[in-house]
Amino acid sequence: MRVAQDAYGHSICGYFNGRQAYEVIEQSDGLIHPSEVTPKLYFAKFEDWPEVERKANGYARGRVLDVGCGTGRVALYLQDQKKLEV
């Protein structure tokens, strides 16, 4: 993939650098629509995460693999809580 093709990466980077950014979803059936999730969530503090995500993190123990982690906020949170083996 060329850098110009990385829409997800551009969205995350743009938000991080103070620009307004959106996620756009392209489904396998060809439907394209804006996501309800904005890159702001990827940088949110734990208190601002959706309730289901906060609750799920309470079950994490031992070794955790954060696949497709975006900005890595879940892994970083668990590491800070000393729930991850590093």
N, C-alpha and C. Protein backbone atom coordinates (compact mmCIF):
# COMPACT_ATOMS: atom_id res chain seq x y z
N MET A 1 0.84 -1.18 0.00
CA MET A 1 0.00 0.00 0.00
C MET A 1 0.89 1.24 0.00
N ARG A 2 0.57 2.15 -0.87
CA ARG A 2 1.29 3.42 -0.89
C ARG A 2 0.73 4.34 0.19
N VAL A 3 1.56 5.27 0.66
CA VAL A 3 1.15 6.21 1.71
C VAL A 3 -0.13 6.94 1.31
N ALA A 4 -0.26 7.30 0.06
CA ALA A 4 -1.45 8.03 -0.40
C ALA A 4 -2.72 7.20 -0.29
N GLN A 5 -2.59 5.88 -0.20
CA GLN A 5 -3.75 5.00 -0.12
C GLN A 5 -4.19 4.71 1.32
N ASP A 6 -3.46 5.17 2.30
CA ASP A 6 -3.74 4.86 3.70
C ASP A 6 -4.70 5.88 4.30
N ALA A 7 -5.97 5.77 3.98
CA ALA A 7 -6.97 6.72 4.47
C ALA A 7 -7.07 6.68 6.00
N TYR A 8 -7.01 5.48 6.57
CA TYR A 8 -7.09 5.33 8.03
C TYR A 8 -5.91 6.06 8.70
N GLY A 9 -4.72 5.81 8.19
CA GLY A 9 -3.54 6.46 8.75
C GLY A 9 -3.59 7.97 8.62
N HIS A 10 -4.09 8.46 7.49
CA HIS A 10 -4.21 9.90 7.30
C HIS A 10 -5.23 10.50 8.27
N SER A 11 -6.30 9.78 8.53
CA SER A 11 -7.31 10.25 9.46
C SER A 11 -6.75 10.38 10.88
N ILE A 12 -6.06 9.34 11.33
CA ILE A 12 -5.46 9.35 12.67
C ILE A 12 -4.41 10.46 12.77
N CYS A 13 -3.54 10.53 11.80
CA CYS A 13 -2.47 11.54 11.80
C CYS A 13 -3.05 12.95 11.74
N GLY A 14 -4.05 13.15 10.90
CA GLY A 14 -4.68 14.46 10.79
C GLY A 14 -5.27 14.91 12.11
N TYR A 15 -6.01 14.02 12.78
CA TYR A 15 -6.60 14.37 14.07
C TYR A 15 -5.51 14.69 15.08
N PHE A 16 -4.47 13.85 15.13
CA PHE A 16 -3.36 14.04 16.06
C PHE A 16 -2.70 15.40 15.85
N ASN A 17 -2.65 15.86 14.61
CA ASN A 17 -2.02 17.14 14.29
C ASN A 17 -3.00 18.31 14.32
N GLY A 18 -4.18 18.10 14.92
CA GLY A 18 -5.10 19.20 15.16
C GLY A 18 -6.09 19.49 14.04
N ARG A 19 -6.17 18.62 13.05
CA ARG A 19 -7.12 18.85 11.96
C ARG A 19 -8.40 18.06 12.21
N GLN A 20 -9.48 18.52 11.65
CA GLN A 20 -10.74 17.79 11.74
C GLN A 20 -10.62 16.54 10.88
N ALA A 21 -11.02 15.41 11.43
CA ALA A 21 -10.86 14.15 10.70
C ALA A 21 -12.07 13.25 10.90
N TYR A 22 -12.33 12.44 9.93
CA TYR A 22 -13.45 11.50 9.97
C TYR A 22 -13.00 10.14 9.49
N GLU A 23 -13.73 9.12 9.91
CA GLU A 23 -13.53 7.78 9.37
C GLU A 23 -14.62 7.52 8.36
N VAL A 24 -14.26 6.94 7.26
CA VAL A 24 -15.24 6.56 6.24
C VAL A 24 -15.16 5.05 6.09
N ILE A 25 -16.31 4.40 6.10
CA ILE A 25 -16.37 2.95 5.99
C ILE A 25 -16.80 2.57 4.58
N GLU A 26 -16.04 1.66 3.97
CA GLU A 26 -16.43 1.10 2.68
C GLU A 26 -16.68 -0.38 2.89
N GLN A 27 -17.92 -0.79 2.74
CA GLN A 27 -18.31 -2.17 2.96
C GLN A 27 -18.03 -3.02 1.73
N SER A 28 -17.98 -4.32 1.92
CA SER A 28 -17.69 -5.23 0.80
C SER A 28 -18.77 -5.18 -0.28
N ASP A 29 -19.98 -4.72 0.07
CA ASP A 29 -21.05 -4.61 -0.94
C ASP A 29 -20.99 -3.29 -1.69
N GLY A 30 -19.95 -2.47 -1.41
CA GLY A 30 -19.77 -1.22 -2.12
C GLY A 30 -20.36 0.00 -1.44
N LEU A 31 -21.14 -0.20 -0.36
CA LEU A 31 -21.73 0.93 0.37
C LEU A 31 -20.62 1.69 1.09
N ILE A 32 -20.61 3.00 0.92
CA ILE A 32 -19.64 3.87 1.57
C ILE A 32 -20.40 4.86 2.43
N HIS A 33 -19.99 4.97 3.71
CA HIS A 33 -20.68 5.91 4.61
C HIS A 33 -19.72 6.35 5.72
N PRO A 34 -20.01 7.53 6.32
CA PRO A 34 -19.16 7.99 7.43
C PRO A 34 -19.42 7.15 8.67
N SER A 35 -18.40 6.92 9.44
CA SER A 35 -18.52 6.17 10.68
C SER A 35 -19.02 7.10 11.79
N GLU A 36 -19.67 6.51 12.78
CA GLU A 36 -20.07 7.28 13.96
C GLU A 36 -18.86 7.53 14.85
N VAL A 37 -17.83 6.73 14.68
CA VAL A 37 -16.60 6.87 15.46
C VAL A 37 -15.69 7.86 14.76
N THR A 38 -15.16 8.80 15.52
CA THR A 38 -14.17 9.73 14.96
C THR A 38 -12.81 9.39 15.57
N PRO A 39 -11.74 9.83 14.96
CA PRO A 39 -10.41 9.56 15.51
C PRO A 39 -10.23 10.06 16.94
N LYS A 40 -11.09 10.96 17.39
CA LYS A 40 -11.01 11.46 18.77
C LYS A 40 -11.04 10.30 19.77
N LEU A 41 -11.84 9.26 19.49
CA LEU A 41 -11.95 8.12 20.39
C LEU A 41 -10.61 7.41 20.56
N TYR A 42 -9.78 7.38 19.53
CA TYR A 42 -8.50 6.68 19.61
C TYR A 42 -7.53 7.35 20.58
N PHE A 43 -7.78 8.60 20.91
CA PHE A 43 -6.91 9.33 21.83
C PHE A 43 -7.60 9.65 23.15
N ALA A 44 -8.81 9.10 23.35
CA ALA A 44 -9.60 9.42 24.54
C ALA A 44 -9.00 8.83 25.80
N LYS A 45 -9.23 9.51 26.91
CA LYS A 45 -8.86 8.99 28.22
C LYS A 45 -9.81 7.85 28.58
N PHE A 46 -9.38 6.97 29.45
CA PHE A 46 -10.17 5.80 29.82
C PHE A 46 -11.59 6.19 30.24
N GLU A 47 -11.73 7.26 30.97
CA GLU A 47 -13.04 7.71 31.45
C GLU A 47 -13.99 8.05 30.31
N ASP A 48 -13.45 8.38 29.15
CA ASP A 48 -14.27 8.77 28.00
C ASP A 48 -14.51 7.62 27.03
N TRP A 49 -14.00 6.44 27.32
CA TRP A 49 -14.24 5.28 26.46
C TRP A 49 -15.68 4.83 26.61
N PRO A 50 -16.22 4.17 25.61
CA PRO A 50 -17.56 3.59 25.76
C PRO A 50 -17.59 2.62 26.94
N GLU A 51 -18.72 2.56 27.62
CA GLU A 51 -18.84 1.73 28.82
C GLU A 51 -18.45 0.27 28.57
N VAL A 52 -18.86 -0.27 27.45
CA VAL A 52 -18.55 -1.68 27.16
C VAL A 52 -17.04 -1.91 27.07
N GLU A 53 -16.29 -0.95 26.56
CA GLU A 53 -14.84 -1.08 26.48
C GLU A 53 -14.20 -0.98 27.86
N ARG A 54 -14.70 -0.06 28.68
CA ARG A 54 -14.16 0.07 30.04
C ARG A 54 -14.39 -1.23 30.81
N LYS A 55 -15.59 -1.78 30.68
CA LYS A 55 -15.93 -3.01 31.39
C LYS A 55 -15.07 -4.18 30.90
N ALA A 56 -14.90 -4.30 29.60
CA ALA A 56 -14.12 -5.40 29.03
C ALA A 56 -12.67 -5.38 29.53
N ASN A 57 -12.12 -4.20 29.74
CA ASN A 57 -10.73 -4.10 30.20
C ASN A 57 -10.55 -4.66 31.60
N GLY A 58 -11.63 -4.75 32.36
CA GLY A 58 -11.56 -5.33 33.69
C GLY A 58 -11.27 -6.82 33.68
N TYR A 59 -11.47 -7.47 32.53
CA TYR A 59 -11.23 -8.90 32.41
C TYR A 59 -9.83 -9.24 31.91
N ALA A 60 -9.07 -8.27 31.51
CA ALA A 60 -7.74 -8.51 30.94
C ALA A 60 -6.75 -8.88 32.04
N ARG A 61 -6.04 -9.98 31.82
CA ARG A 61 -5.01 -10.45 32.75
C ARG A 61 -3.88 -11.09 31.96
N GLY A 62 -2.69 -11.08 32.54
CA GLY A 62 -1.57 -11.79 31.94
C GLY A 62 -1.13 -11.20 30.63
N ARG A 63 -0.92 -12.05 29.66
CA ARG A 63 -0.47 -11.60 28.34
C ARG A 63 -1.68 -11.18 27.51
N VAL A 64 -1.57 -10.03 26.88
CA VAL A 64 -2.65 -9.50 26.06
C VAL A 64 -2.06 -9.10 24.71
N LEU A 65 -2.73 -9.50 23.65
CA LEU A 65 -2.33 -9.10 22.31
C LEU A 65 -3.39 -8.15 21.79
N ASP A 66 -3.02 -6.91 21.53
CA ASP A 66 -3.93 -5.88 21.04
C ASP A 66 -3.77 -5.82 19.52
N VAL A 67 -4.56 -6.59 18.80
CA VAL A 67 -4.45 -6.68 17.35
C VAL A 67 -5.32 -5.60 16.71
N GLY A 68 -4.77 -4.93 15.70
CA GLY A 68 -5.54 -3.88 15.04
C GLY A 68 -5.79 -2.74 16.01
N CYS A 69 -4.76 -2.36 16.73
CA CYS A 69 -4.93 -1.50 17.90
C CYS A 69 -5.05 -0.01 17.61
N GLY A 70 -5.00 0.41 16.35
CA GLY A 70 -5.12 1.85 16.10
C GLY A 70 -3.97 2.59 16.73
N THR A 71 -4.24 3.38 17.74
CA THR A 71 -3.20 4.15 18.42
C THR A 71 -2.60 3.41 19.60
N GLY A 72 -3.12 2.22 19.91
CA GLY A 72 -2.58 1.42 21.01
C GLY A 72 -3.10 1.83 22.37
N ARG A 73 -4.20 2.58 22.42
CA ARG A 73 -4.67 3.10 23.71
C ARG A 73 -5.05 2.00 24.70
N VAL A 74 -5.59 0.88 24.22
CA VAL A 74 -5.96 -0.20 25.14
C VAL A 74 -4.71 -0.83 25.74
N ALA A 75 -3.74 -1.16 24.90
CA ALA A 75 -2.50 -1.74 25.40
C ALA A 75 -1.79 -0.78 26.36
N LEU A 76 -1.76 0.49 26.02
CA LEU A 76 -1.12 1.47 26.90
C LEU A 76 -1.85 1.59 28.23
N TYR A 77 -3.17 1.58 28.20
CA TYR A 77 -3.95 1.65 29.44
C TYR A 77 -3.65 0.43 30.32
N LEU A 78 -3.71 -0.76 29.73
CA LEU A 78 -3.45 -1.98 30.51
C LEU A 78 -2.04 -2.00 31.06
N GLN A 79 -1.09 -1.54 30.26
CA GLN A 79 0.28 -1.47 30.73
C GLN A 79 0.39 -0.54 31.94
N ASP A 80 -0.26 0.63 31.86
CA ASP A 80 -0.24 1.58 32.97
C ASP A 80 -0.89 1.00 34.23
N GLN A 81 -1.90 0.14 34.03
CA GLN A 81 -2.58 -0.48 35.16
C GLN A 81 -1.84 -1.71 35.67
N LYS A 82 -0.72 -2.03 35.04
CA LYS A 82 0.10 -3.19 35.37
C LYS A 82 -0.68 -4.50 35.23
N LYS A 83 -1.56 -4.53 34.22
CA LYS A 83 -2.32 -5.74 33.94
C LYS A 83 -1.70 -6.52 32.78
N LEU A 84 -0.66 -5.96 32.19
CA LEU A 84 0.00 -6.62 31.07
C LEU A 84 1.36 -7.13 31.50
N GLU A 85 1.75 -8.28 30.98
CA GLU A 85 3.13 -8.72 31.12
C GLU A 85 3.90 -8.05 30.01
N VAL A 86 4.95 -7.36 30.34
CA VAL A 86 5.74 -6.65 29.34
C VAL A 86 6.96 -7.45 28.98
